[in-house]
Amino acid sequence: IAKFADLAAVNDEGHAREWRKLGAKKTVVLPISGVDPELSFDKGQAFRRAKGRALKDIDVLFVGTVTPERREFLAELRKLLPETVKFVVKEFVWEEEYAGLMSRAKIVLNPIRPEMKNGANLRMFEIPAFGALELGSYGKKEWLTPGKEMLVYKDAEEAAGLIAKYLKDGKKREEMVERGKGRVFKEHKFEDRAR
């Protein structure tokens, strides 16, 4: 269909090059990812209300496709973290379960897949929207400022160190979460992308 497209909106410059090569007249890298406040906030709040308290019982969460690279990273990270850290890995979860897991997490991992190395996936914006601290393999200040609104690691060892630091310092973690959440709801909703 690329040869019929006047405009292809994509998440990553690599995808934009592919679309142009296939014949798209114009491409734009937005990212197209964003948040839906009804899912990210309303369902997360509803989950917490149903449980009767602000339940944050998952220290570290990963939700997504477990590729071979991610499997290796997650296994290495698990070895580096103390056994007392509650570390949850889930694949193939849907809306209600997803909202529940994300709402319960203190820190959520976001290892960006190689084909999206310069782009933003949905998790980049959903993690802070659900009230968790994002720890990603990539960050871009135009979306969320690394060190201010999210954290970025270069390898499993650095990720483990950041997890230990921010699990210990709940005040700093929550301050960063609030900055990230504020920015996401101000700039990164799907209605903002449509505009």
N, C-alpha and C. Protein backbone atom coordinates (compact mmCIF):
# COMPACT_ATOMS: atom_id res chain seq x y z
N ILE A 1 0.82 -1.22 0.00
CA ILE A 1 0.00 0.00 0.00
C ILE A 1 0.85 1.27 0.00
N ALA A 2 2.15 1.13 0.25
CA ALA A 2 2.99 2.32 0.39
C ALA A 2 2.91 3.24 -0.83
N LYS A 3 2.87 2.68 -2.01
CA LYS A 3 2.86 3.52 -3.22
C LYS A 3 1.59 4.36 -3.34
N PHE A 4 0.54 4.01 -2.59
CA PHE A 4 -0.69 4.79 -2.61
C PHE A 4 -0.77 5.79 -1.46
N ALA A 5 0.19 5.75 -0.54
CA ALA A 5 0.13 6.59 0.66
C ALA A 5 0.67 7.99 0.37
N ASP A 6 -0.12 8.99 0.71
CA ASP A 6 0.35 10.37 0.64
C ASP A 6 1.20 10.68 1.86
N LEU A 7 0.84 10.08 3.00
CA LEU A 7 1.55 10.32 4.25
C LEU A 7 1.56 9.05 5.09
N ALA A 8 2.74 8.66 5.55
CA ALA A 8 2.87 7.53 6.48
C ALA A 8 3.38 8.08 7.81
N ALA A 9 2.60 7.92 8.86
CA ALA A 9 3.00 8.36 10.21
C ALA A 9 3.56 7.14 10.93
N VAL A 10 4.82 7.23 11.37
CA VAL A 10 5.51 6.08 11.97
C VAL A 10 6.18 6.47 13.27
N ASN A 11 6.67 5.46 14.00
CA ASN A 11 7.32 5.65 15.31
C ASN A 11 8.81 5.86 15.24
N ASP A 12 9.45 5.54 14.12
CA ASP A 12 10.91 5.48 14.09
C ASP A 12 11.42 5.88 12.71
N GLU A 13 12.55 6.55 12.67
CA GLU A 13 13.12 7.01 11.39
C GLU A 13 13.44 5.84 10.47
N GLY A 14 13.84 4.70 11.04
CA GLY A 14 14.09 3.52 10.21
C GLY A 14 12.84 3.08 9.46
N HIS A 15 11.71 3.12 10.14
CA HIS A 15 10.44 2.79 9.48
C HIS A 15 10.10 3.83 8.41
N ALA A 16 10.40 5.09 8.68
CA ALA A 16 10.13 6.14 7.70
C ALA A 16 10.92 5.90 6.42
N ARG A 17 12.20 5.53 6.57
CA ARG A 17 13.02 5.22 5.38
C ARG A 17 12.42 4.06 4.58
N GLU A 18 11.95 3.03 5.29
CA GLU A 18 11.34 1.88 4.62
C GLU A 18 10.11 2.30 3.81
N TRP A 19 9.25 3.11 4.42
CA TRP A 19 8.04 3.57 3.74
C TRP A 19 8.39 4.39 2.49
N ARG A 20 9.37 5.28 2.61
CA ARG A 20 9.77 6.10 1.44
C ARG A 20 10.34 5.21 0.34
N LYS A 21 11.16 4.24 0.72
CA LYS A 21 11.75 3.31 -0.25
C LYS A 21 10.66 2.52 -0.99
N LEU A 22 9.58 2.22 -0.27
CA LEU A 22 8.47 1.47 -0.87
C LEU A 22 7.52 2.35 -1.68
N GLY A 23 7.75 3.68 -1.65
CA GLY A 23 6.97 4.57 -2.51
C GLY A 23 6.06 5.57 -1.83
N ALA A 24 6.04 5.63 -0.51
CA ALA A 24 5.21 6.63 0.16
C ALA A 24 5.72 8.02 -0.21
N LYS A 25 4.81 8.94 -0.47
CA LYS A 25 5.20 10.28 -0.90
C LYS A 25 5.84 11.09 0.23
N LYS A 26 5.34 10.91 1.45
CA LYS A 26 5.86 11.67 2.58
C LYS A 26 5.74 10.82 3.85
N THR A 27 6.68 11.00 4.76
CA THR A 27 6.62 10.31 6.06
C THR A 27 6.83 11.32 7.17
N VAL A 28 6.33 10.99 8.35
CA VAL A 28 6.54 11.81 9.53
C VAL A 28 6.77 10.87 10.71
N VAL A 29 7.77 11.19 11.53
CA VAL A 29 8.06 10.43 12.74
C VAL A 29 7.50 11.25 13.90
N LEU A 30 6.45 10.76 14.56
CA LEU A 30 5.75 11.58 15.55
C LEU A 30 6.29 11.50 16.98
N PRO A 31 6.36 10.49 17.72
CA PRO A 31 5.94 9.10 17.51
C PRO A 31 4.42 9.01 17.46
N ILE A 32 3.92 7.90 16.93
CA ILE A 32 2.47 7.73 16.92
C ILE A 32 1.98 7.16 18.25
N SER A 33 2.90 6.64 19.06
CA SER A 33 2.52 6.11 20.37
C SER A 33 2.12 7.24 21.30
N GLY A 34 1.25 6.92 22.22
CA GLY A 34 0.79 7.88 23.21
C GLY A 34 0.00 7.15 24.27
N VAL A 35 -0.80 7.87 25.02
CA VAL A 35 -1.62 7.24 26.06
C VAL A 35 -3.09 7.56 25.85
N ASP A 36 -3.89 6.64 26.32
CA ASP A 36 -5.33 6.80 26.39
C ASP A 36 -5.65 6.99 27.87
N PRO A 37 -6.00 8.20 28.30
CA PRO A 37 -6.24 8.43 29.73
C PRO A 37 -7.29 7.49 30.33
N GLU A 38 -8.27 7.07 29.52
CA GLU A 38 -9.29 6.16 30.05
C GLU A 38 -8.68 4.84 30.47
N LEU A 39 -7.75 4.31 29.68
CA LEU A 39 -7.09 3.05 30.05
C LEU A 39 -6.02 3.30 31.09
N SER A 40 -5.12 4.21 30.79
CA SER A 40 -3.94 4.39 31.63
C SER A 40 -4.25 4.96 32.99
N PHE A 41 -5.18 5.88 33.07
CA PHE A 41 -5.46 6.51 34.35
C PHE A 41 -6.73 5.96 34.97
N ASP A 42 -7.84 6.04 34.25
CA ASP A 42 -9.13 5.65 34.82
C ASP A 42 -9.16 4.19 35.25
N LYS A 43 -8.68 3.28 34.40
CA LYS A 43 -8.70 1.86 34.78
C LYS A 43 -7.69 1.58 35.87
N GLY A 44 -6.57 2.26 35.85
CA GLY A 44 -5.59 2.10 36.93
C GLY A 44 -6.17 2.57 38.26
N GLN A 45 -6.86 3.71 38.24
CA GLN A 45 -7.49 4.23 39.46
C GLN A 45 -8.60 3.28 39.93
N ALA A 46 -9.38 2.78 38.99
CA ALA A 46 -10.47 1.85 39.34
C ALA A 46 -9.90 0.59 39.98
N PHE A 47 -8.80 0.10 39.47
CA PHE A 47 -8.16 -1.08 40.05
C PHE A 47 -7.74 -0.80 41.49
N ARG A 48 -7.11 0.35 41.69
CA ARG A 48 -6.65 0.67 43.05
C ARG A 48 -7.83 0.85 44.00
N ARG A 49 -8.91 1.49 43.54
CA ARG A 49 -10.10 1.66 44.39
C ARG A 49 -10.71 0.32 44.75
N ALA A 50 -10.76 -0.59 43.77
CA ALA A 50 -11.35 -1.92 44.01
C ALA A 50 -10.56 -2.70 45.06
N LYS A 51 -9.27 -2.46 45.11
CA LYS A 51 -8.43 -3.15 46.08
C LYS A 51 -8.43 -2.43 47.43
N GLY A 52 -9.01 -1.23 47.47
CA GLY A 52 -9.16 -0.52 48.73
C GLY A 52 -7.95 0.27 49.18
N ARG A 53 -6.89 0.27 48.40
CA ARG A 53 -5.70 1.04 48.79
C ARG A 53 -4.80 1.21 47.56
N ALA A 54 -3.83 2.07 47.71
CA ALA A 54 -2.84 2.26 46.63
C ALA A 54 -1.84 1.11 46.72
N LEU A 55 -2.14 0.02 46.05
CA LEU A 55 -1.34 -1.19 46.11
C LEU A 55 -0.13 -1.05 45.19
N LYS A 56 1.06 -1.04 45.75
CA LYS A 56 2.30 -1.00 44.96
C LYS A 56 3.16 -2.18 45.44
N ASP A 57 2.73 -3.39 45.09
CA ASP A 57 3.38 -4.58 45.61
C ASP A 57 4.33 -5.26 44.63
N ILE A 58 4.50 -4.70 43.43
CA ILE A 58 5.47 -5.23 42.46
C ILE A 58 6.63 -4.25 42.40
N ASP A 59 7.82 -4.71 42.75
CA ASP A 59 8.98 -3.82 42.72
C ASP A 59 9.39 -3.49 41.28
N VAL A 60 9.55 -4.54 40.47
CA VAL A 60 10.01 -4.37 39.08
C VAL A 60 9.11 -5.21 38.18
N LEU A 61 8.63 -4.59 37.10
CA LEU A 61 7.71 -5.27 36.17
C LEU A 61 8.22 -5.13 34.75
N PHE A 62 8.08 -6.20 33.99
CA PHE A 62 8.22 -6.13 32.54
C PHE A 62 6.98 -6.76 31.95
N VAL A 63 6.29 -6.04 31.06
CA VAL A 63 5.15 -6.55 30.33
C VAL A 63 5.43 -6.33 28.86
N GLY A 64 5.42 -7.40 28.08
CA GLY A 64 5.66 -7.25 26.65
C GLY A 64 6.15 -8.55 26.05
N THR A 65 6.58 -8.47 24.80
CA THR A 65 7.10 -9.63 24.09
C THR A 65 8.49 -9.96 24.60
N VAL A 66 8.69 -11.19 24.98
CA VAL A 66 10.01 -11.61 25.48
C VAL A 66 10.80 -12.18 24.30
N THR A 67 11.52 -11.28 23.63
CA THR A 67 12.39 -11.67 22.52
C THR A 67 13.65 -12.32 23.10
N PRO A 68 14.46 -12.98 22.29
CA PRO A 68 15.70 -13.57 22.82
C PRO A 68 16.60 -12.54 23.53
N GLU A 69 16.73 -11.33 22.95
CA GLU A 69 17.56 -10.30 23.58
C GLU A 69 16.98 -9.88 24.93
N ARG A 70 15.68 -9.71 24.98
CA ARG A 70 15.04 -9.33 26.23
C ARG A 70 15.15 -10.45 27.26
N ARG A 71 14.97 -11.70 26.83
CA ARG A 71 15.09 -12.84 27.75
C ARG A 71 16.46 -12.84 28.42
N GLU A 72 17.49 -12.62 27.61
CA GLU A 72 18.86 -12.59 28.14
C GLU A 72 19.05 -11.44 29.13
N PHE A 73 18.56 -10.26 28.77
CA PHE A 73 18.65 -9.10 29.65
C PHE A 73 17.91 -9.33 30.96
N LEU A 74 16.67 -9.84 30.87
CA LEU A 74 15.86 -10.06 32.08
C LEU A 74 16.49 -11.11 32.98
N ALA A 75 17.06 -12.16 32.40
CA ALA A 75 17.72 -13.19 33.20
C ALA A 75 18.95 -12.63 33.91
N GLU A 76 19.74 -11.85 33.19
CA GLU A 76 20.93 -11.24 33.80
C GLU A 76 20.54 -10.27 34.91
N LEU A 77 19.51 -9.48 34.66
CA LEU A 77 19.05 -8.52 35.65
C LEU A 77 18.55 -9.24 36.91
N ARG A 78 17.79 -10.30 36.71
CA ARG A 78 17.27 -11.06 37.87
C ARG A 78 18.41 -11.56 38.75
N LYS A 79 19.51 -12.02 38.12
CA LYS A 79 20.67 -12.51 38.87
C LYS A 79 21.34 -11.40 39.67
N LEU A 80 21.31 -10.17 39.14
CA LEU A 80 21.98 -9.05 39.78
C LEU A 80 21.18 -8.45 40.94
N LEU A 81 19.87 -8.67 40.94
CA LEU A 81 19.01 -8.07 41.97
C LEU A 81 18.89 -9.00 43.17
N PRO A 82 18.75 -8.44 44.36
CA PRO A 82 18.52 -9.28 45.54
C PRO A 82 17.24 -10.10 45.37
N GLU A 83 17.20 -11.29 45.96
CA GLU A 83 16.02 -12.15 45.86
C GLU A 83 14.78 -11.51 46.46
N THR A 84 14.98 -10.55 47.36
CA THR A 84 13.85 -9.88 48.01
C THR A 84 13.09 -8.94 47.06
N VAL A 85 13.70 -8.59 45.93
CA VAL A 85 13.03 -7.71 44.95
C VAL A 85 11.98 -8.53 44.21
N LYS A 86 10.73 -8.11 44.31
CA LYS A 86 9.65 -8.80 43.60
C LYS A 86 9.70 -8.37 42.13
N PHE A 87 10.08 -9.31 41.26
CA PHE A 87 10.33 -9.08 39.85
C PHE A 87 9.32 -9.91 39.06
N VAL A 88 8.44 -9.24 38.31
CA VAL A 88 7.38 -9.91 37.56
C VAL A 88 7.59 -9.68 36.07
N VAL A 89 7.54 -10.77 35.29
CA VAL A 89 7.63 -10.71 33.83
C VAL A 89 6.35 -11.34 33.28
N LYS A 90 5.64 -10.60 32.42
CA LYS A 90 4.38 -11.08 31.85
C LYS A 90 4.35 -10.81 30.35
N GLU A 91 3.93 -11.81 29.61
CA GLU A 91 3.68 -11.67 28.18
C GLU A 91 2.18 -11.81 27.93
N PHE A 92 1.70 -11.20 26.88
CA PHE A 92 0.34 -11.42 26.40
C PHE A 92 -0.74 -11.19 27.46
N VAL A 93 -0.76 -10.00 27.99
CA VAL A 93 -1.84 -9.63 28.91
C VAL A 93 -2.73 -8.59 28.23
N TRP A 94 -4.00 -8.59 28.59
CA TRP A 94 -4.93 -7.66 27.97
C TRP A 94 -5.38 -6.61 28.96
N GLU A 95 -6.22 -5.75 28.50
CA GLU A 95 -6.58 -4.49 29.12
C GLU A 95 -6.72 -4.50 30.65
N GLU A 96 -7.62 -5.30 31.20
CA GLU A 96 -7.86 -5.27 32.64
C GLU A 96 -6.63 -5.75 33.42
N GLU A 97 -6.08 -6.89 33.01
CA GLU A 97 -4.90 -7.42 33.70
C GLU A 97 -3.72 -6.46 33.54
N TYR A 98 -3.58 -5.91 32.33
CA TYR A 98 -2.49 -4.97 32.06
C TYR A 98 -2.59 -3.75 32.98
N ALA A 99 -3.78 -3.16 33.06
CA ALA A 99 -3.98 -1.98 33.93
C ALA A 99 -3.68 -2.33 35.38
N GLY A 100 -4.09 -3.51 35.81
CA GLY A 100 -3.82 -3.92 37.17
C GLY A 100 -2.34 -4.08 37.45
N LEU A 101 -1.63 -4.76 36.57
CA LEU A 101 -0.18 -4.96 36.75
C LEU A 101 0.57 -3.63 36.75
N MET A 102 0.28 -2.80 35.76
CA MET A 102 0.99 -1.53 35.64
C MET A 102 0.72 -0.63 36.86
N SER A 103 -0.50 -0.67 37.38
CA SER A 103 -0.87 0.15 38.54
C SER A 103 -0.20 -0.33 39.81
N ARG A 104 0.18 -1.59 39.86
CA ARG A 104 0.79 -2.16 41.07
C ARG A 104 2.32 -2.01 41.08
N ALA A 105 2.92 -1.62 39.96
CA ALA A 105 4.38 -1.61 39.85
C ALA A 105 5.00 -0.31 40.35
N LYS A 106 6.16 -0.45 40.99
CA LYS A 106 6.96 0.72 41.37
C LYS A 106 7.84 1.15 40.20
N ILE A 107 8.50 0.17 39.56
CA ILE A 107 9.41 0.43 38.43
C ILE A 107 9.02 -0.52 37.31
N VAL A 108 8.89 0.02 36.09
CA VAL A 108 8.58 -0.81 34.93
C VAL A 108 9.71 -0.70 33.92
N LEU A 109 10.18 -1.85 33.46
CA LEU A 109 11.26 -1.91 32.48
C LEU A 109 10.72 -1.70 31.07
N ASN A 110 11.51 -0.98 30.26
CA ASN A 110 11.14 -0.76 28.87
C ASN A 110 12.38 -0.92 27.98
N PRO A 111 12.80 -2.17 27.76
CA PRO A 111 13.92 -2.38 26.82
C PRO A 111 13.39 -2.27 25.39
N ILE A 112 13.77 -1.19 24.71
CA ILE A 112 13.29 -0.93 23.35
C ILE A 112 13.89 -1.95 22.40
N ARG A 113 13.06 -2.48 21.52
CA ARG A 113 13.53 -3.47 20.55
C ARG A 113 14.45 -2.81 19.53
N PRO A 114 15.43 -3.57 18.98
CA PRO A 114 16.41 -2.99 18.05
C PRO A 114 15.79 -2.26 16.86
N GLU A 115 14.68 -2.77 16.33
CA GLU A 115 14.07 -2.12 15.17
C GLU A 115 13.40 -0.79 15.53
N MET A 116 13.30 -0.49 16.82
CA MET A 116 12.72 0.78 17.28
C MET A 116 13.76 1.60 18.04
N LYS A 117 15.04 1.39 17.74
CA LYS A 117 16.10 1.97 18.56
C LYS A 117 16.07 3.49 18.68
N ASN A 118 15.41 4.17 17.77
CA ASN A 118 15.31 5.63 17.87
C ASN A 118 13.87 6.09 17.97
N GLY A 119 12.98 5.19 18.30
CA GLY A 119 11.57 5.52 18.35
C GLY A 119 10.99 5.31 19.72
N ALA A 120 9.69 5.47 19.80
CA ALA A 120 8.99 5.32 21.08
C ALA A 120 7.90 4.28 20.92
N ASN A 121 7.89 3.31 21.83
CA ASN A 121 6.81 2.34 21.85
C ASN A 121 5.72 2.83 22.80
N LEU A 122 4.61 2.11 22.86
CA LEU A 122 3.51 2.51 23.74
C LEU A 122 3.94 2.59 25.19
N ARG A 123 4.78 1.65 25.62
CA ARG A 123 5.20 1.60 27.03
C ARG A 123 5.86 2.90 27.48
N MET A 124 6.58 3.55 26.57
CA MET A 124 7.29 4.78 26.96
C MET A 124 6.35 5.78 27.61
N PHE A 125 5.14 5.85 27.13
CA PHE A 125 4.18 6.83 27.64
C PHE A 125 3.21 6.21 28.65
N GLU A 126 2.93 4.93 28.49
CA GLU A 126 1.99 4.28 29.41
C GLU A 126 2.57 4.09 30.81
N ILE A 127 3.84 3.80 30.90
CA ILE A 127 4.45 3.53 32.21
C ILE A 127 4.22 4.70 33.18
N PRO A 128 4.63 5.93 32.83
CA PRO A 128 4.37 7.02 33.77
C PRO A 128 2.88 7.30 33.95
N ALA A 129 2.08 7.09 32.91
CA ALA A 129 0.64 7.34 33.02
C ALA A 129 0.01 6.45 34.08
N PHE A 130 0.51 5.24 34.23
CA PHE A 130 0.00 4.33 35.24
C PHE A 130 0.61 4.58 36.62
N GLY A 131 1.54 5.51 36.72
CA GLY A 131 2.09 5.86 38.03
C GLY A 131 3.31 5.05 38.44
N ALA A 132 4.07 4.55 37.46
CA ALA A 132 5.30 3.81 37.75
C ALA A 132 6.50 4.58 37.20
N LEU A 133 7.66 4.26 37.75
CA LEU A 133 8.90 4.85 37.24
C LEU A 133 9.38 4.04 36.05
N GLU A 134 9.62 4.69 34.94
CA GLU A 134 10.10 4.02 33.74
C GLU A 134 11.61 3.88 33.76
N LEU A 135 12.08 2.66 33.50
CA LEU A 135 13.50 2.38 33.36
C LEU A 135 13.68 1.78 31.97
N GLY A 136 14.13 2.61 31.03
CA GLY A 136 14.21 2.20 29.63
C GLY A 136 15.62 2.12 29.12
N SER A 137 15.76 1.44 28.00
CA SER A 137 17.07 1.33 27.35
C SER A 137 17.34 2.55 26.47
N TYR A 138 16.35 3.41 26.35
CA TYR A 138 16.47 4.58 25.46
C TYR A 138 15.53 5.65 25.97
N GLY A 139 15.94 6.88 25.85
CA GLY A 139 15.09 7.99 26.20
C GLY A 139 15.42 9.19 25.32
N LYS A 140 14.47 10.05 25.14
CA LYS A 140 14.65 11.23 24.30
C LYS A 140 13.96 12.40 24.99
N LYS A 141 14.70 13.47 25.23
CA LYS A 141 14.14 14.58 26.01
C LYS A 141 12.91 15.20 25.38
N GLU A 142 12.75 15.06 24.07
CA GLU A 142 11.55 15.59 23.42
C GLU A 142 10.29 14.85 23.88
N TRP A 143 10.46 13.64 24.42
CA TRP A 143 9.32 12.84 24.87
C TRP A 143 9.26 12.80 26.39
N LEU A 144 10.30 12.27 27.01
CA LEU A 144 10.45 12.24 28.47
C LEU A 144 11.92 12.46 28.76
N THR A 145 12.25 13.37 29.64
CA THR A 145 13.64 13.71 29.89
C THR A 145 14.30 12.67 30.79
N PRO A 146 15.34 11.97 30.25
CA PRO A 146 16.07 11.01 31.07
C PRO A 146 16.68 11.69 32.30
N GLY A 147 16.55 11.03 33.45
CA GLY A 147 17.08 11.57 34.70
C GLY A 147 16.15 12.52 35.41
N LYS A 148 15.09 12.94 34.72
CA LYS A 148 14.12 13.86 35.31
C LYS A 148 12.71 13.26 35.32
N GLU A 149 12.32 12.65 34.19
CA GLU A 149 10.97 12.09 34.07
C GLU A 149 10.98 10.58 33.85
N MET A 150 12.15 10.03 33.63
CA MET A 150 12.35 8.59 33.44
C MET A 150 13.83 8.28 33.68
N LEU A 151 14.16 7.00 33.72
CA LEU A 151 15.56 6.59 33.85
C LEU A 151 15.96 5.79 32.61
N VAL A 152 17.25 5.86 32.26
CA VAL A 152 17.78 5.12 31.11
C VAL A 152 19.01 4.34 31.57
N TYR A 153 19.09 3.08 31.15
CA TYR A 153 20.24 2.22 31.48
C TYR A 153 20.96 1.83 30.20
N LYS A 154 22.25 1.49 30.34
CA LYS A 154 23.00 1.03 29.17
C LYS A 154 23.19 -0.48 29.17
N ASP A 155 23.11 -1.11 30.36
CA ASP A 155 23.25 -2.56 30.45
C ASP A 155 22.57 -3.05 31.73
N ALA A 156 22.55 -4.35 31.92
CA ALA A 156 21.84 -4.94 33.07
C ALA A 156 22.46 -4.49 34.39
N GLU A 157 23.75 -4.33 34.43
CA GLU A 157 24.42 -3.91 35.67
C GLU A 157 23.97 -2.51 36.08
N GLU A 158 23.94 -1.59 35.12
CA GLU A 158 23.48 -0.23 35.42
C GLU A 158 22.00 -0.24 35.81
N ALA A 159 21.19 -1.05 35.10
CA ALA A 159 19.76 -1.15 35.42
C ALA A 159 19.57 -1.64 36.86
N ALA A 160 20.33 -2.64 37.26
CA ALA A 160 20.23 -3.18 38.63
C ALA A 160 20.59 -2.11 39.65
N GLY A 161 21.60 -1.32 39.37
CA GLY A 161 22.00 -0.24 40.28
C GLY A 161 20.92 0.82 40.41
N LEU A 162 20.31 1.18 39.30
CA LEU A 162 19.23 2.18 39.32
C LEU A 162 18.01 1.64 40.06
N ILE A 163 17.70 0.37 39.85
CA ILE A 163 16.56 -0.23 40.55
C ILE A 163 16.81 -0.20 42.05
N ALA A 164 17.98 -0.62 42.48
CA ALA A 164 18.30 -0.62 43.91
C ALA A 164 18.18 0.79 44.50
N LYS A 165 18.73 1.76 43.79
CA LYS A 165 18.72 3.15 44.27
C LYS A 165 17.28 3.68 44.41
N TYR A 166 16.45 3.47 43.39
CA TYR A 166 15.11 4.06 43.40
C TYR A 166 14.08 3.23 44.17
N LEU A 167 14.37 1.97 44.44
CA LEU A 167 13.51 1.23 45.37
C LEU A 167 13.78 1.71 46.80
N LYS A 168 15.03 2.02 47.06
CA LYS A 168 15.41 2.48 48.39
C LYS A 168 14.90 3.90 48.66
N ASP A 169 14.95 4.76 47.65
CA ASP A 169 14.55 6.16 47.82
C ASP A 169 13.18 6.39 47.19
N GLY A 170 12.14 6.02 47.92
CA GLY A 170 10.77 6.14 47.42
C GLY A 170 10.38 7.58 47.11
N LYS A 171 10.91 8.53 47.87
CA LYS A 171 10.56 9.94 47.65
C LYS A 171 11.06 10.41 46.28
N LYS A 172 12.33 10.13 45.97
CA LYS A 172 12.87 10.52 44.66
C LYS A 172 12.14 9.81 43.53
N ARG A 173 11.83 8.52 43.77
CA ARG A 173 11.13 7.75 42.75
C ARG A 173 9.77 8.38 42.46
N GLU A 174 9.01 8.70 43.49
CA GLU A 174 7.68 9.27 43.30
C GLU A 174 7.73 10.66 42.68
N GLU A 175 8.74 11.44 43.01
CA GLU A 175 8.89 12.76 42.38
C GLU A 175 9.09 12.62 40.87
N MET A 176 9.93 11.65 40.48
CA MET A 176 10.18 11.43 39.06
C MET A 176 8.92 10.89 38.37
N VAL A 177 8.21 9.99 39.04
CA VAL A 177 6.96 9.46 38.50
C VAL A 177 5.97 10.59 38.24
N GLU A 178 5.81 11.49 39.20
CA GLU A 178 4.85 12.59 39.05
C GLU A 178 5.23 13.52 37.91
N ARG A 179 6.54 13.80 37.74
CA ARG A 179 6.96 14.64 36.61
C ARG A 179 6.66 13.95 35.28
N GLY A 180 6.96 12.64 35.21
CA GLY A 180 6.69 11.89 33.98
C GLY A 180 5.21 11.83 33.67
N LYS A 181 4.40 11.54 34.68
CA LYS A 181 2.95 11.45 34.50
C LYS A 181 2.39 12.80 34.05
N GLY A 182 2.85 13.87 34.67
CA GLY A 182 2.37 15.20 34.29
C GLY A 182 2.68 15.51 32.84
N ARG A 183 3.89 15.18 32.41
CA ARG A 183 4.27 15.46 31.02
C ARG A 183 3.47 14.61 30.04
N VAL A 184 3.28 13.34 30.38
CA VAL A 184 2.54 12.45 29.49
C VAL A 184 1.11 12.94 29.30
N PHE A 185 0.44 13.30 30.40
CA PHE A 185 -0.95 13.74 30.26
C PHE A 185 -1.06 15.13 29.64
N LYS A 186 0.02 15.89 29.67
CA LYS A 186 0.01 17.21 29.04
C LYS A 186 0.32 17.13 27.54
N GLU A 187 1.26 16.25 27.14
CA GLU A 187 1.78 16.28 25.77
C GLU A 187 1.62 15.00 24.96
N HIS A 188 1.37 13.87 25.61
CA HIS A 188 1.50 12.59 24.89
C HIS A 188 0.25 11.73 24.88
N LYS A 189 -0.91 12.35 24.77
CA LYS A 189 -2.16 11.61 24.62
C LYS A 189 -2.38 11.35 23.11
N PHE A 190 -3.19 10.34 22.80
CA PHE A 190 -3.48 10.07 21.39
C PHE A 190 -4.15 11.27 20.72
N GLU A 191 -4.94 12.03 21.47
CA GLU A 191 -5.58 13.21 20.86
C GLU A 191 -4.52 14.26 20.49
N ASP A 192 -3.41 14.31 21.25
CA ASP A 192 -2.32 15.22 20.89
C ASP A 192 -1.67 14.76 19.58
N ARG A 193 -1.51 13.45 19.42
CA ARG A 193 -0.93 12.92 18.17
C ARG A 193 -1.84 13.25 16.98
N ALA A 194 -3.13 13.10 17.17
CA ALA A 194 -4.07 13.37 16.08
C ALA A 194 -4.01 14.83 15.65
N ARG A 195 -3.89 15.73 16.66
CA ARG A 195 -3.77 17.16 16.33
C ARG A 195 -2.49 17.41 15.54
